[in-house]
Amino acid sequence: RERRQVRGLYMVLLSLITVLALFACCWLALNLSKQVTQPVESLADAMEAIANGDYAHRVGESATRELGELVESFNAMAADLESARAVAEESTTKLSALNAALLARRTELETLIETIPNGVVTLSPYRRIVLANRAFSETLDPGGEKPFVGLMLDEVFPAEIVEALDRLLQRSHRMGTASSELQMAASS
């Protein structure tokens, strides 16, 4: 009977130690998993915040070294993204202002060219007409039905006039300015 009592006592003690060891293992596993999952969850939340446009969002430091390095790298990447976004927005603002100024300047130039009583044409580097004022259009096409913008010089003028204009353009490139008077027979 004593043996049974001792055996029963040992079984109770062994069960108690087993339950205590099981409890300690579960507690340790939960505690260790929180050290891993909490930083990973905060990284996932931070990635979602940055994907939604909150570039100022940062992740708190982590207890483990490996995850701490990952968090530091993530925070550095987020800071780089935030500064790149700020630079892009600043560049966009400057570009918009420059475009508005350029458009205003172009409108002013077009108005100025349109008011000149003589025929004036602006050319692209490829000898294509970019802008032609009304006086030019009326000179070459009385009634102004034919659009000259976008046409090449040789589509508008006869070959001998185009050659003279080419020489004039070459001289203006060499000397900075050139002028000449050309006469052309009126077409019927």
Protein backbone atom coordinates (compact mmCIF):
# COMPACT_ATOMS: atom_id res chain seq x y z
CA ARG A 1 0.00 0.00 0.00
CA GLU A 2 2.84 2.36 0.74
CA ARG A 3 4.19 1.60 -2.65
CA ARG A 4 0.95 2.63 -4.21
CA GLN A 5 0.90 5.82 -2.24
CA VAL A 6 4.48 6.62 -3.23
CA ARG A 7 3.73 5.73 -6.83
CA GLY A 8 0.57 7.92 -6.75
CA LEU A 9 2.55 10.77 -5.18
CA TYR A 10 5.23 10.43 -7.85
CA MET A 11 2.59 10.38 -10.56
CA VAL A 12 1.00 13.54 -9.18
CA LEU A 13 4.42 15.18 -8.92
CA LEU A 14 5.35 14.03 -12.39
CA SER A 15 2.03 15.30 -13.77
CA LEU A 16 2.52 18.62 -11.99
CA ILE A 17 6.06 18.97 -13.39
CA THR A 18 4.79 18.02 -16.85
CA VAL A 19 1.98 20.58 -16.68
CA LEU A 20 4.41 23.20 -15.35
CA ALA A 21 6.94 22.40 -18.11
CA LEU A 22 4.16 22.48 -20.72
CA PHE A 23 2.94 25.83 -19.40
CA ALA A 24 6.50 27.25 -19.41
CA CYS A 25 7.06 26.03 -22.98
CA CYS A 26 3.77 27.56 -24.17
CA TRP A 27 4.49 30.84 -22.41
CA LEU A 28 8.02 30.93 -23.84
CA ALA A 29 6.75 30.10 -27.35
CA LEU A 30 4.09 32.82 -27.20
CA ASN A 31 6.58 35.36 -25.88
CA LEU A 32 9.14 34.52 -28.57
CA SER A 33 6.53 34.54 -31.33
CA LYS A 34 5.38 38.01 -30.24
CA GLN A 35 8.96 39.24 -30.58
CA VAL A 36 8.88 38.10 -34.20
CA THR A 37 5.28 38.74 -35.23
CA GLN A 38 4.85 42.22 -33.74
CA PRO A 39 7.70 43.78 -35.75
CA VAL A 40 6.57 41.93 -38.87
CA GLU A 41 3.00 43.18 -38.34
CA SER A 42 4.24 46.75 -37.84
CA LEU A 43 6.33 46.40 -41.01
CA ALA A 44 3.26 45.19 -42.90
CA ASP A 45 1.22 48.11 -41.53
CA ALA A 46 3.97 50.55 -42.49
CA MET A 47 4.16 49.11 -46.02
CA GLU A 48 0.41 49.55 -46.38
CA ALA A 49 0.62 53.14 -45.09
CA ILE A 50 3.41 53.97 -47.55
CA ALA A 51 1.48 52.31 -50.39
CA ASN A 52 -1.42 54.63 -49.50
CA GLY A 53 0.84 57.69 -49.77
CA ASP A 54 1.87 58.26 -46.14
CA TYR A 55 5.62 58.51 -46.75
CA ALA A 56 6.26 59.89 -43.25
CA HIS A 57 5.21 56.61 -41.57
CA ARG A 58 8.05 54.86 -39.73
CA VAL A 59 8.37 51.57 -37.82
CA GLY A 60 9.50 51.47 -34.17
CA GLU A 61 12.73 49.73 -33.25
CA SER A 62 12.70 45.96 -32.80
CA ALA A 63 14.11 43.89 -29.93
CA THR A 64 15.87 41.29 -32.08
CA ARG A 65 18.97 42.22 -34.01
CA GLU A 66 17.95 40.74 -37.37
CA LEU A 67 14.53 42.35 -37.32
CA GLY A 68 16.10 45.56 -36.03
CA GLU A 69 18.30 45.69 -39.14
CA LEU A 70 15.26 45.04 -41.32
CA VAL A 71 13.35 47.84 -39.57
CA GLU A 72 16.29 50.24 -39.99
CA SER A 73 16.52 49.38 -43.69
CA PHE A 74 12.79 49.87 -44.10
CA ASN A 75 12.87 53.24 -42.33
CA ALA A 76 15.82 54.34 -44.50
CA MET A 77 13.90 53.29 -47.62
CA ALA A 78 10.82 55.18 -46.44
CA ALA A 79 12.92 58.30 -45.83
CA ASP A 80 14.44 58.01 -49.32
CA LEU A 81 10.96 57.62 -50.82
CA GLU A 82 9.71 60.63 -48.89
CA SER A 83 12.59 62.84 -50.05
CA ALA A 84 12.28 61.60 -53.66
CA ARG A 85 8.56 62.35 -53.58
CA ALA A 86 9.25 65.85 -52.25
CA VAL A 87 11.85 66.47 -54.98
CA ALA A 88 9.44 65.20 -57.65
CA GLU A 89 6.64 67.44 -56.38
CA GLU A 90 8.97 70.44 -56.28
CA SER A 91 10.17 69.69 -59.82
CA THR A 92 6.58 69.34 -61.01
CA THR A 93 5.70 72.69 -59.48
CA LYS A 94 8.69 74.38 -61.09
CA LEU A 95 7.97 72.73 -64.43
CA SER A 96 4.34 73.87 -64.31
CA ALA A 97 5.44 77.43 -63.59
CA LEU A 98 7.97 77.32 -66.44
CA ASN A 99 5.35 75.90 -68.81
CA ALA A 100 2.93 78.68 -67.89
CA ALA A 101 5.64 81.30 -68.45
CA LEU A 102 6.58 79.71 -71.77
CA LEU A 103 2.96 79.63 -72.88
CA ALA A 104 2.53 83.29 -71.96
CA ARG A 105 5.72 84.15 -73.84
CA ARG A 106 4.56 82.18 -76.89
CA THR A 107 1.17 83.90 -76.87
CA GLU A 108 2.91 87.27 -76.63
CA LEU A 109 5.22 86.37 -79.53
CA GLU A 110 2.35 85.12 -81.68
CA THR A 111 0.42 88.33 -81.03
CA LEU A 112 3.47 90.41 -81.89
CA ILE A 113 4.12 88.50 -85.13
CA GLU A 114 0.45 88.72 -86.11
CA THR A 115 0.47 92.52 -85.79
CA ILE A 116 3.50 93.04 -88.07
CA PRO A 117 2.25 94.43 -91.41
CA ASN A 118 4.87 92.48 -93.46
CA GLY A 119 4.72 88.74 -94.04
CA VAL A 120 6.54 86.87 -91.26
CA VAL A 121 7.18 83.12 -90.98
CA THR A 122 8.95 81.15 -88.26
CA LEU A 123 10.65 77.90 -89.29
CA SER A 124 11.62 74.72 -87.50
CA PRO A 125 15.22 73.47 -87.87
CA TYR A 126 13.91 71.18 -90.62
CA ARG A 127 12.60 74.10 -92.73
CA ARG A 128 8.98 73.43 -91.79
CA ILE A 129 6.69 76.44 -91.22
CA VAL A 130 5.80 76.70 -87.54
CA LEU A 131 3.99 80.05 -87.57
CA ALA A 132 2.83 82.33 -90.37
CA ASN A 133 1.15 85.69 -89.85
CA ARG A 134 -1.90 86.92 -91.73
CA ALA A 135 0.13 89.26 -93.98
CA PHE A 136 2.17 86.29 -95.22
CA SER A 137 -0.94 84.21 -95.85
CA GLU A 138 -2.66 87.08 -97.70
CA THR A 139 0.45 87.71 -99.84
CA LEU A 140 0.74 84.12 -101.05
CA ASP A 141 -2.93 83.19 -100.95
CA PRO A 142 -5.33 86.12 -101.28
CA GLY A 143 -8.46 85.22 -99.35
CA GLY A 144 -6.41 83.18 -96.85
CA GLU A 145 -7.90 79.74 -97.55
CA LYS A 146 -4.64 77.78 -97.63
CA PRO A 147 -3.05 76.87 -94.26
CA PHE A 148 0.74 77.26 -94.40
CA VAL A 149 1.60 76.01 -90.90
CA GLY A 150 3.23 72.59 -91.08
CA LEU A 151 4.26 72.84 -94.75
CA MET A 152 7.88 72.61 -95.90
CA LEU A 153 9.44 75.62 -97.65
CA ASP A 154 9.60 73.78 -100.97
CA GLU A 155 5.85 73.09 -100.74
CA VAL A 156 5.15 76.83 -100.53
CA PHE A 157 7.79 78.48 -102.74
CA PRO A 158 9.24 77.67 -106.18
CA ALA A 159 12.64 75.97 -106.31
CA GLU A 160 14.65 79.14 -107.16
CA ILE A 161 13.14 80.98 -104.15
CA VAL A 162 13.84 78.00 -101.87
CA GLU A 163 17.51 78.02 -103.00
CA ALA A 164 17.76 81.74 -102.27
CA LEU A 165 16.12 81.23 -98.87
CA ASP A 166 18.52 78.36 -98.08
CA ARG A 167 21.51 80.60 -98.86
CA LEU A 168 19.99 83.31 -96.69
CA LEU A 169 19.45 80.85 -93.82
CA GLN A 170 23.04 79.57 -94.10
CA ARG A 171 24.36 83.14 -94.03
CA SER A 172 22.25 83.93 -90.97
CA HIS A 173 23.64 80.87 -89.18
CA ARG A 174 27.21 81.94 -89.94
CA MET A 175 26.84 85.63 -89.19
CA GLY A 176 24.01 85.65 -86.69
CA THR A 177 21.76 87.76 -88.92
CA ALA A 178 21.06 88.13 -92.62
CA SER A 179 18.59 90.00 -94.78
CA SER A 180 17.74 90.04 -98.42
CA GLU A 181 15.02 91.16 -100.74
CA LEU A 182 13.47 88.52 -102.95
CA GLN A 183 10.99 88.98 -105.75
CA MET A 184 8.62 86.34 -106.85
CA ALA A 185 6.21 86.39 -109.75
CA ALA A 186 2.59 86.33 -108.65
CA SER A 187 0.85 83.07 -109.40
CA SER A 188 -2.57 83.26 -110.95
